[in-house]
Amino acid sequence: MASLEPPLALLALLLALSLAFGLLTWVSRNVWQDRARTQLFALLGVASTLTFVALVMVMP
C-alpha cells in the first residue's frame, strides 16, 4: 500500500484545520460568547482555507 504523498497529506491537514477552526469559531461565538476567541479562530480558519485553496490551484 502506497503512503500519502507529502503535498496530499498537507492538503488533508489544511482541510482538517479549516473545518476545525470553523467549528471552533461557531462554538466560541454561540457557546462561550467570547469575541476575542471568535476573531482569532475566524482568522485562523480563513488563513488555513486560503492556503488550502492556493495549494489546490497550483498543484498539477
N, C-alpha and C. Protein backbone atom coordinates (compact mmCIF):
# COMPACT_ATOMS: atom_id res chain seq x y z
N MET A 1 0.85 -1.18 0.00
CA MET A 1 0.00 0.00 0.00
C MET A 1 0.89 1.24 0.00
N ALA A 2 0.62 2.12 -0.91
CA ALA A 2 1.44 3.32 -1.03
C ALA A 2 1.05 4.34 0.05
N SER A 3 2.02 5.05 0.53
CA SER A 3 1.74 6.09 1.52
C SER A 3 1.30 7.37 0.83
N LEU A 4 0.73 8.26 1.61
CA LEU A 4 0.30 9.55 1.05
C LEU A 4 1.50 10.38 0.65
N GLU A 5 1.38 11.06 -0.44
CA GLU A 5 2.44 11.97 -0.85
C GLU A 5 2.41 13.19 0.07
N PRO A 6 3.56 13.82 0.31
CA PRO A 6 3.58 14.99 1.21
C PRO A 6 2.61 16.10 0.83
N PRO A 7 2.49 16.47 -0.45
CA PRO A 7 1.52 17.55 -0.76
C PRO A 7 0.08 17.14 -0.45
N LEU A 8 -0.25 15.87 -0.71
CA LEU A 8 -1.60 15.41 -0.43
C LEU A 8 -1.86 15.39 1.07
N ALA A 9 -0.87 14.98 1.84
CA ALA A 9 -1.01 14.99 3.30
C ALA A 9 -1.16 16.42 3.81
N LEU A 10 -0.41 17.36 3.23
CA LEU A 10 -0.52 18.76 3.62
C LEU A 10 -1.91 19.31 3.29
N LEU A 11 -2.45 18.94 2.13
CA LEU A 11 -3.79 19.38 1.77
C LEU A 11 -4.83 18.81 2.73
N ALA A 12 -4.68 17.56 3.10
CA ALA A 12 -5.61 16.96 4.05
C ALA A 12 -5.53 17.66 5.41
N LEU A 13 -4.32 17.97 5.84
CA LEU A 13 -4.14 18.67 7.12
C LEU A 13 -4.77 20.06 7.07
N LEU A 14 -4.54 20.80 5.99
CA LEU A 14 -5.11 22.14 5.87
C LEU A 14 -6.63 22.11 5.81
N LEU A 15 -7.19 21.12 5.13
CA LEU A 15 -8.65 20.99 5.09
C LEU A 15 -9.20 20.69 6.48
N ALA A 16 -8.54 19.80 7.20
CA ALA A 16 -8.98 19.47 8.56
C ALA A 16 -8.88 20.70 9.47
N LEU A 17 -7.80 21.48 9.33
CA LEU A 17 -7.66 22.70 10.13
C LEU A 17 -8.75 23.71 9.80
N SER A 18 -9.07 23.85 8.52
CA SER A 18 -10.13 24.79 8.13
C SER A 18 -11.46 24.41 8.76
N LEU A 19 -11.78 23.13 8.71
CA LEU A 19 -13.04 22.67 9.29
C LEU A 19 -13.04 22.81 10.81
N ALA A 20 -11.92 22.48 11.44
CA ALA A 20 -11.84 22.57 12.90
C ALA A 20 -11.95 24.02 13.37
N PHE A 21 -11.25 24.93 12.71
CA PHE A 21 -11.34 26.33 13.11
C PHE A 21 -12.72 26.91 12.82
N GLY A 22 -13.37 26.44 11.78
CA GLY A 22 -14.75 26.86 11.52
C GLY A 22 -15.67 26.43 12.64
N LEU A 23 -15.52 25.19 13.10
CA LEU A 23 -16.32 24.70 14.21
C LEU A 23 -16.01 25.47 15.50
N LEU A 24 -14.72 25.71 15.75
CA LEU A 24 -14.34 26.45 16.95
C LEU A 24 -14.85 27.90 16.91
N THR A 25 -14.92 28.49 15.72
CA THR A 25 -15.47 29.84 15.59
C THR A 25 -16.93 29.85 16.00
N TRP A 26 -17.68 28.85 15.53
CA TRP A 26 -19.09 28.77 15.89
C TRP A 26 -19.26 28.57 17.39
N VAL A 27 -18.48 27.65 17.97
CA VAL A 27 -18.57 27.37 19.40
C VAL A 27 -18.21 28.62 20.21
N SER A 28 -17.16 29.30 19.80
CA SER A 28 -16.72 30.48 20.52
C SER A 28 -17.78 31.58 20.48
N ARG A 29 -18.44 31.72 19.35
CA ARG A 29 -19.45 32.78 19.22
C ARG A 29 -20.74 32.44 19.95
N ASN A 30 -21.20 31.20 19.82
CA ASN A 30 -22.52 30.85 20.32
C ASN A 30 -22.53 30.20 21.70
N VAL A 31 -21.46 29.54 22.09
CA VAL A 31 -21.45 28.86 23.37
C VAL A 31 -20.63 29.65 24.39
N TRP A 32 -19.38 29.92 24.07
CA TRP A 32 -18.52 30.64 25.01
C TRP A 32 -18.83 32.14 25.03
N GLN A 33 -19.33 32.66 23.92
CA GLN A 33 -19.63 34.08 23.74
C GLN A 33 -18.42 34.96 24.07
N ASP A 34 -17.31 34.60 23.48
CA ASP A 34 -16.04 35.31 23.69
C ASP A 34 -15.62 35.92 22.35
N ARG A 35 -15.69 37.23 22.26
CA ARG A 35 -15.41 37.90 20.99
C ARG A 35 -13.96 37.76 20.55
N ALA A 36 -13.02 37.83 21.49
CA ALA A 36 -11.60 37.73 21.14
C ALA A 36 -11.27 36.35 20.56
N ARG A 37 -11.78 35.30 21.20
CA ARG A 37 -11.55 33.94 20.68
C ARG A 37 -12.23 33.76 19.33
N THR A 38 -13.42 34.30 19.17
CA THR A 38 -14.14 34.18 17.90
C THR A 38 -13.32 34.79 16.77
N GLN A 39 -12.78 35.98 17.01
CA GLN A 39 -11.99 36.64 15.97
C GLN A 39 -10.71 35.86 15.67
N LEU A 40 -10.07 35.32 16.70
CA LEU A 40 -8.85 34.54 16.50
C LEU A 40 -9.13 33.28 15.69
N PHE A 41 -10.17 32.53 16.07
CA PHE A 41 -10.50 31.30 15.35
C PHE A 41 -10.94 31.60 13.92
N ALA A 42 -11.66 32.68 13.72
CA ALA A 42 -12.08 33.06 12.37
C ALA A 42 -10.87 33.41 11.51
N LEU A 43 -9.93 34.14 12.06
CA LEU A 43 -8.72 34.50 11.33
C LEU A 43 -7.92 33.25 10.96
N LEU A 44 -7.74 32.34 11.89
CA LEU A 44 -7.01 31.11 11.61
C LEU A 44 -7.75 30.24 10.60
N GLY A 45 -9.07 30.21 10.68
CA GLY A 45 -9.86 29.45 9.72
C GLY A 45 -9.74 30.01 8.31
N VAL A 46 -9.81 31.32 8.19
CA VAL A 46 -9.67 31.96 6.87
C VAL A 46 -8.27 31.73 6.31
N ALA A 47 -7.25 31.86 7.15
CA ALA A 47 -5.87 31.66 6.69
C ALA A 47 -5.65 30.23 6.21
N SER A 48 -6.13 29.25 6.94
CA SER A 48 -5.93 27.87 6.51
C SER A 48 -6.75 27.54 5.27
N THR A 49 -7.94 28.13 5.15
CA THR A 49 -8.74 27.91 3.95
C THR A 49 -8.08 28.53 2.71
N LEU A 50 -7.59 29.74 2.85
CA LEU A 50 -6.91 30.38 1.72
C LEU A 50 -5.65 29.64 1.32
N THR A 51 -4.90 29.14 2.28
CA THR A 51 -3.71 28.35 1.98
C THR A 51 -4.10 27.06 1.27
N PHE A 52 -5.14 26.41 1.72
CA PHE A 52 -5.63 25.20 1.07
C PHE A 52 -6.02 25.47 -0.38
N VAL A 53 -6.79 26.51 -0.60
CA VAL A 53 -7.24 26.84 -1.96
C VAL A 53 -6.06 27.21 -2.85
N ALA A 54 -5.10 27.98 -2.33
CA ALA A 54 -3.93 28.35 -3.13
C ALA A 54 -3.13 27.12 -3.53
N LEU A 55 -2.95 26.18 -2.61
CA LEU A 55 -2.20 24.97 -2.94
C LEU A 55 -2.93 24.10 -3.94
N VAL A 56 -4.25 24.02 -3.81
CA VAL A 56 -5.04 23.22 -4.77
C VAL A 56 -4.94 23.81 -6.17
N MET A 57 -4.91 25.13 -6.26
CA MET A 57 -4.87 25.77 -7.58
C MET A 57 -3.52 25.63 -8.26
N VAL A 58 -2.43 25.50 -7.52
CA VAL A 58 -1.10 25.42 -8.15
C VAL A 58 -0.61 23.99 -8.30
N MET A 59 -1.28 23.03 -7.69
CA MET A 59 -0.84 21.63 -7.82
C MET A 59 -1.18 21.13 -9.22
N PRO A 60 -0.29 20.30 -9.77
CA PRO A 60 -0.57 19.75 -11.14
C PRO A 60 -1.65 18.71 -11.13
